């Protein structure tokens, strides 16, 4: 059974950095289009960054120039490098994407990891 598991969240001061990882576990053939989402308290979940195809990336305007999404296909892992963090970046960060396993293609969500940025 395929699972997406995030890690790397935590508490950081404004201006600091964190690197999130999302690992696909199971009998994985490939990870495909993947994205990172976040949900701040009292707000709707929003798309932060996505990586499509080989290396096409998109970012929310609020994180452009500060966040970088990348992937390591050999490790079935997608990363989100977050620099110059701001208090408004606080939220639960979840990964979502299409994974090809021995059972075929499916779209999955991780359980999320908390990021808290203090001012």
N, C-alpha and C. Protein backbone atom coordinates (compact mmCIF):
# COMPACT_ATOMS: atom_id res chain seq x y z
N UNK A 1 0.84 -1.19 0.00
CA UNK A 1 0.00 0.00 0.00
C UNK A 1 0.88 1.24 0.00
N UNK A 2 0.53 2.22 -0.84
CA UNK A 2 1.33 3.43 -0.96
C UNK A 2 1.00 4.41 0.15
N UNK A 3 2.02 5.00 0.71
CA UNK A 3 1.84 6.07 1.69
C UNK A 3 2.81 7.19 1.37
N UNK A 4 2.38 8.42 1.65
CA UNK A 4 3.27 9.58 1.59
C UNK A 4 3.51 10.03 3.03
N UNK A 5 4.78 10.15 3.39
CA UNK A 5 5.12 10.51 4.76
C UNK A 5 6.01 11.74 4.75
N UNK A 6 5.54 12.82 5.40
CA UNK A 6 6.30 14.05 5.47
C UNK A 6 7.15 14.10 6.73
N UNK A 7 8.22 14.85 6.66
CA UNK A 7 9.07 15.10 7.81
C UNK A 7 9.78 16.42 7.61
N UNK A 8 10.39 16.91 8.69
CA UNK A 8 11.20 18.11 8.60
C UNK A 8 10.57 19.36 9.17
N UNK A 9 9.33 19.27 9.59
CA UNK A 9 8.69 20.44 10.18
C UNK A 9 9.27 20.75 11.55
N UNK A 10 8.86 21.88 12.11
CA UNK A 10 9.33 22.26 13.42
C UNK A 10 9.09 23.72 13.70
N UNK A 11 9.73 24.19 14.76
CA UNK A 11 9.63 25.59 15.17
C UNK A 11 10.91 26.31 14.76
N UNK A 12 10.75 27.44 14.10
CA UNK A 12 11.91 28.20 13.64
C UNK A 12 11.61 29.69 13.77
N UNK A 13 12.65 30.47 13.97
CA UNK A 13 12.46 31.92 14.06
C UNK A 13 12.32 32.51 12.66
N UNK A 14 11.68 33.65 12.59
CA UNK A 14 11.56 34.34 11.32
C UNK A 14 12.94 34.59 10.73
N UNK A 15 13.04 34.37 9.42
CA UNK A 15 14.32 34.49 8.73
C UNK A 15 15.07 33.18 8.62
N UNK A 16 14.63 32.18 9.35
CA UNK A 16 15.28 30.89 9.33
C UNK A 16 14.87 30.02 8.17
N UNK A 17 15.36 28.78 8.18
CA UNK A 17 15.11 27.85 7.08
C UNK A 17 14.69 26.49 7.62
N UNK A 18 13.92 25.79 6.81
CA UNK A 18 13.57 24.40 7.07
C UNK A 18 13.55 23.67 5.74
N UNK A 19 13.81 22.38 5.81
CA UNK A 19 13.71 21.55 4.61
C UNK A 19 12.76 20.41 4.89
N UNK A 20 11.65 20.39 4.18
CA UNK A 20 10.66 19.34 4.32
C UNK A 20 10.93 18.23 3.32
N UNK A 21 10.61 17.01 3.71
CA UNK A 21 10.75 15.86 2.81
C UNK A 21 9.44 15.08 2.78
N UNK A 22 9.10 14.56 1.65
CA UNK A 22 7.91 13.71 1.48
C UNK A 22 8.38 12.44 0.79
N UNK A 23 8.29 11.34 1.50
CA UNK A 23 8.77 10.06 0.99
C UNK A 23 7.59 9.17 0.65
N UNK A 24 7.60 8.62 -0.54
CA UNK A 24 6.58 7.65 -0.93
C UNK A 24 7.07 6.26 -0.56
N UNK A 25 6.26 5.56 0.23
CA UNK A 25 6.64 4.21 0.65
C UNK A 25 5.69 3.20 0.05
N UNK A 26 6.17 1.97 -0.06
CA UNK A 26 5.41 0.92 -0.71
C UNK A 26 6.24 0.37 -1.85
N UNK A 27 5.64 -0.39 -2.71
CA UNK A 27 6.36 -0.91 -3.87
C UNK A 27 6.16 0.10 -4.99
N UNK A 28 7.07 1.11 -5.02
CA UNK A 28 6.93 2.27 -5.88
C UNK A 28 7.69 2.07 -7.19
N UNK A 29 7.03 2.42 -8.28
CA UNK A 29 7.70 2.41 -9.58
C UNK A 29 8.20 3.81 -9.90
N UNK A 30 7.36 4.81 -9.65
CA UNK A 30 7.78 6.18 -9.89
C UNK A 30 6.85 7.15 -9.15
N UNK A 31 7.41 8.34 -8.85
CA UNK A 31 6.57 9.44 -8.39
C UNK A 31 6.45 10.42 -9.54
N UNK A 32 5.29 11.00 -9.69
CA UNK A 32 5.03 11.84 -10.86
C UNK A 32 4.78 13.28 -10.42
N UNK A 33 3.68 13.87 -10.86
CA UNK A 33 3.39 15.25 -10.46
C UNK A 33 3.13 15.30 -8.96
N UNK A 34 3.89 16.17 -8.29
CA UNK A 34 3.79 16.26 -6.83
C UNK A 34 3.64 17.71 -6.41
N UNK A 35 3.00 17.93 -5.28
CA UNK A 35 2.84 19.28 -4.78
C UNK A 35 2.90 19.35 -3.27
N UNK A 36 3.26 20.52 -2.80
CA UNK A 36 3.21 20.81 -1.36
C UNK A 36 2.09 21.82 -1.11
N UNK A 37 1.28 21.53 -0.10
CA UNK A 37 0.18 22.39 0.29
C UNK A 37 0.37 22.79 1.75
N UNK A 38 -0.25 23.88 2.12
CA UNK A 38 -0.25 24.23 3.53
C UNK A 38 -1.62 24.75 3.94
N UNK A 39 -1.90 24.53 5.22
CA UNK A 39 -3.15 25.04 5.78
C UNK A 39 -2.82 25.76 7.07
N UNK A 40 -3.07 27.06 7.06
CA UNK A 40 -2.87 27.88 8.25
C UNK A 40 -4.13 27.82 9.11
N UNK A 41 -4.00 28.08 10.41
CA UNK A 41 -5.18 28.05 11.29
C UNK A 41 -6.27 28.98 10.79
N UNK A 42 -7.48 28.43 10.65
CA UNK A 42 -8.61 29.23 10.23
C UNK A 42 -8.66 29.55 8.76
N UNK A 43 -7.76 28.98 7.98
CA UNK A 43 -7.72 29.28 6.54
C UNK A 43 -7.84 28.00 5.73
N UNK A 44 -8.19 28.18 4.48
CA UNK A 44 -8.28 27.04 3.59
C UNK A 44 -6.89 26.57 3.17
N UNK A 45 -6.82 25.31 2.82
CA UNK A 45 -5.55 24.76 2.33
C UNK A 45 -5.21 25.40 1.00
N UNK A 46 -3.93 25.73 0.81
CA UNK A 46 -3.49 26.36 -0.43
C UNK A 46 -2.29 25.62 -1.00
N UNK A 47 -2.17 25.70 -2.32
CA UNK A 47 -1.02 25.11 -2.99
C UNK A 47 0.17 26.04 -2.82
N UNK A 48 1.28 25.50 -2.35
CA UNK A 48 2.49 26.28 -2.14
C UNK A 48 3.45 26.12 -3.31
N UNK A 49 3.68 24.88 -3.72
CA UNK A 49 4.62 24.60 -4.81
C UNK A 49 4.28 23.26 -5.43
N UNK A 50 4.58 23.14 -6.71
CA UNK A 50 4.37 21.87 -7.38
C UNK A 50 5.47 21.62 -8.39
N UNK A 51 5.73 20.34 -8.61
CA UNK A 51 6.72 19.94 -9.59
C UNK A 51 6.04 18.97 -10.54
N UNK A 52 6.08 19.32 -11.83
CA UNK A 52 5.33 18.60 -12.85
C UNK A 52 6.28 18.03 -13.87
N UNK A 53 6.00 16.83 -14.32
CA UNK A 53 6.84 16.23 -15.35
C UNK A 53 8.26 16.03 -14.84
N UNK A 54 9.22 16.33 -15.68
CA UNK A 54 10.63 16.13 -15.33
C UNK A 54 11.08 17.17 -14.32
N UNK A 55 10.87 18.46 -14.63
CA UNK A 55 11.38 19.48 -13.71
C UNK A 55 10.66 20.81 -13.82
N UNK A 56 9.43 20.81 -14.29
CA UNK A 56 8.68 22.05 -14.36
C UNK A 56 8.12 22.36 -12.97
N UNK A 57 8.31 23.59 -12.51
CA UNK A 57 7.87 23.95 -11.17
C UNK A 57 6.96 25.18 -11.19
N UNK A 58 6.05 25.24 -10.22
CA UNK A 58 5.19 26.39 -10.02
C UNK A 58 5.16 26.71 -8.54
N UNK A 59 5.03 28.01 -8.24
CA UNK A 59 5.01 28.45 -6.85
C UNK A 59 3.90 29.46 -6.61
N UNK A 60 3.39 29.44 -5.40
CA UNK A 60 2.48 30.51 -5.00
C UNK A 60 3.27 31.81 -4.96
N UNK A 61 2.61 32.91 -5.30
CA UNK A 61 3.30 34.20 -5.32
C UNK A 61 3.94 34.52 -3.98
N UNK A 62 3.31 34.10 -2.90
CA UNK A 62 3.78 34.44 -1.56
C UNK A 62 5.10 33.76 -1.19
N UNK A 63 5.49 32.73 -1.94
CA UNK A 63 6.73 32.01 -1.59
C UNK A 63 7.78 32.07 -2.69
N UNK A 64 7.46 32.69 -3.81
CA UNK A 64 8.43 32.77 -4.91
C UNK A 64 9.71 33.44 -4.45
N UNK A 65 10.84 32.83 -4.82
CA UNK A 65 12.13 33.37 -4.45
C UNK A 65 12.61 32.93 -3.08
N UNK A 66 11.72 32.30 -2.30
CA UNK A 66 12.10 31.84 -0.95
C UNK A 66 12.05 30.31 -0.82
N UNK A 67 11.10 29.69 -1.51
CA UNK A 67 10.92 28.24 -1.43
C UNK A 67 11.37 27.59 -2.72
N UNK A 68 11.90 26.37 -2.60
CA UNK A 68 12.30 25.59 -3.78
C UNK A 68 11.83 24.16 -3.62
N UNK A 69 11.09 23.69 -4.62
CA UNK A 69 10.65 22.30 -4.63
C UNK A 69 11.59 21.51 -5.53
N UNK A 70 11.92 20.28 -5.10
CA UNK A 70 12.80 19.43 -5.90
C UNK A 70 12.43 17.97 -5.64
N UNK A 71 13.02 17.09 -6.42
CA UNK A 71 12.71 15.68 -6.27
C UNK A 71 13.96 14.83 -6.43
N UNK A 72 13.94 13.67 -5.78
CA UNK A 72 14.97 12.67 -5.96
C UNK A 72 14.25 11.38 -6.31
N UNK A 73 14.18 11.08 -7.58
CA UNK A 73 13.42 9.93 -8.03
C UNK A 73 13.98 8.61 -7.50
N UNK A 74 15.28 8.54 -7.32
CA UNK A 74 15.89 7.31 -6.81
C UNK A 74 15.43 7.02 -5.39
N UNK A 75 15.09 8.08 -4.65
CA UNK A 75 14.65 7.93 -3.26
C UNK A 75 13.14 8.08 -3.12
N UNK A 76 12.44 8.26 -4.23
CA UNK A 76 10.98 8.45 -4.21
C UNK A 76 10.60 9.57 -3.23
N UNK A 77 11.35 10.66 -3.31
CA UNK A 77 11.21 11.74 -2.34
C UNK A 77 11.09 13.09 -3.04
N UNK A 78 10.22 13.93 -2.50
CA UNK A 78 10.08 15.32 -2.93
C UNK A 78 10.43 16.21 -1.74
N UNK A 79 11.18 17.26 -2.01
CA UNK A 79 11.63 18.17 -0.96
C UNK A 79 11.02 19.56 -1.13
N UNK A 80 10.94 20.27 -0.05
CA UNK A 80 10.58 21.68 -0.09
C UNK A 80 11.58 22.41 0.79
N UNK A 81 12.49 23.13 0.16
CA UNK A 81 13.45 23.96 0.88
C UNK A 81 12.81 25.32 1.12
N UNK A 82 12.71 25.70 2.37
CA UNK A 82 12.05 26.95 2.73
C UNK A 82 13.05 27.87 3.40
N UNK A 83 13.33 28.99 2.78
CA UNK A 83 14.27 29.98 3.31
C UNK A 83 13.54 31.27 3.63
N UNK A 84 14.20 32.11 4.40
CA UNK A 84 13.64 33.42 4.77
C UNK A 84 12.21 33.28 5.26
N UNK A 85 12.00 32.36 6.17
CA UNK A 85 10.65 32.06 6.64
C UNK A 85 10.04 33.25 7.37
N UNK A 86 8.72 33.38 7.21
CA UNK A 86 7.97 34.46 7.83
C UNK A 86 6.89 33.86 8.72
N UNK A 87 6.41 34.60 9.71
CA UNK A 87 5.33 34.06 10.57
C UNK A 87 4.11 33.61 9.76
N UNK A 88 3.84 34.28 8.66
CA UNK A 88 2.68 33.89 7.85
C UNK A 88 2.89 32.58 7.09
N UNK A 89 4.08 32.00 7.16
CA UNK A 89 4.32 30.69 6.57
C UNK A 89 3.89 29.57 7.51
N UNK A 90 3.49 29.92 8.71
CA UNK A 90 3.05 28.93 9.69
C UNK A 90 1.85 28.14 9.19
N UNK A 91 1.88 26.83 9.42
CA UNK A 91 0.77 25.99 9.02
C UNK A 91 1.17 24.53 8.97
N UNK A 92 0.20 23.70 8.62
CA UNK A 92 0.47 22.28 8.40
C UNK A 92 0.76 22.09 6.92
N UNK A 93 1.92 21.55 6.64
CA UNK A 93 2.36 21.33 5.26
C UNK A 93 2.15 19.86 4.90
N UNK A 94 1.47 19.65 3.79
CA UNK A 94 1.18 18.29 3.33
C UNK A 94 1.62 18.12 1.89
N UNK A 95 2.05 16.92 1.56
CA UNK A 95 2.36 16.65 0.17
C UNK A 95 1.24 15.83 -0.47
N UNK A 96 1.12 16.01 -1.75
CA UNK A 96 0.07 15.35 -2.52
C UNK A 96 0.63 15.07 -3.90
N UNK A 97 0.27 13.93 -4.45
CA UNK A 97 0.74 13.69 -5.79
C UNK A 97 0.37 12.34 -6.34
N UNK A 98 0.81 12.14 -7.55
CA UNK A 98 0.52 10.91 -8.29
C UNK A 98 1.71 9.98 -8.15
N UNK A 99 1.41 8.77 -7.73
CA UNK A 99 2.46 7.76 -7.54
C UNK A 99 2.08 6.53 -8.34
N UNK A 100 3.06 6.00 -9.03
CA UNK A 100 2.85 4.75 -9.74
C UNK A 100 3.46 3.62 -8.93
N UNK A 101 2.61 2.66 -8.56
CA UNK A 101 3.08 1.50 -7.81
C UNK A 101 2.76 0.24 -8.61
N UNK A 102 3.00 -0.90 -8.00
CA UNK A 102 2.69 -2.17 -8.68
C UNK A 102 1.18 -2.32 -8.89
N UNK A 103 0.39 -1.52 -8.16
CA UNK A 103 -1.07 -1.57 -8.30
C UNK A 103 -1.59 -0.57 -9.32
N UNK A 104 -0.68 0.19 -9.92
CA UNK A 104 -1.08 1.18 -10.91
C UNK A 104 -0.89 2.59 -10.38
N UNK A 105 -1.56 3.57 -11.04
CA UNK A 105 -1.44 4.97 -10.65
C UNK A 105 -2.48 5.31 -9.60
N UNK A 106 -2.08 6.15 -8.66
CA UNK A 106 -3.01 6.65 -7.67
C UNK A 106 -2.58 8.01 -7.20
N UNK A 107 -3.52 8.76 -6.64
CA UNK A 107 -3.21 10.06 -6.08
C UNK A 107 -3.34 9.96 -4.56
N UNK A 108 -2.33 10.50 -3.86
CA UNK A 108 -2.25 10.29 -2.42
C UNK A 108 -1.95 11.59 -1.69
N UNK A 109 -2.33 11.61 -0.42
CA UNK A 109 -2.02 12.71 0.50
C UNK A 109 -1.19 12.16 1.65
N UNK A 110 -0.24 12.98 2.12
CA UNK A 110 0.45 12.67 3.35
C UNK A 110 -0.33 13.18 4.54
N UNK A 111 0.16 12.87 5.73
CA UNK A 111 -0.57 13.25 6.95
C UNK A 111 -0.26 14.67 7.40
N UNK A 112 0.81 15.24 6.85
CA UNK A 112 1.16 16.62 7.17
C UNK A 112 2.23 16.74 8.24
N UNK A 113 2.94 17.85 8.19
CA UNK A 113 3.94 18.17 9.20
C UNK A 113 3.79 19.64 9.57
N UNK A 114 3.87 19.94 10.86
CA UNK A 114 3.63 21.29 11.35
C UNK A 114 4.87 22.16 11.20
N UNK A 115 4.67 23.33 10.65
CA UNK A 115 5.71 24.35 10.57
C UNK A 115 5.23 25.57 11.33
N UNK A 116 6.01 26.01 12.30
CA UNK A 116 5.67 27.19 13.08
C UNK A 116 6.83 28.17 13.01
N UNK A 117 6.54 29.38 12.56
CA UNK A 117 7.55 30.43 12.44
C UNK A 117 7.23 31.51 13.45
N UNK A 118 8.16 31.73 14.36
CA UNK A 118 7.94 32.74 15.40
C UNK A 118 8.54 34.08 14.98
N UNK A 119 7.92 35.14 15.44
CA UNK A 119 8.39 36.48 15.06
C UNK A 119 9.45 36.99 16.02
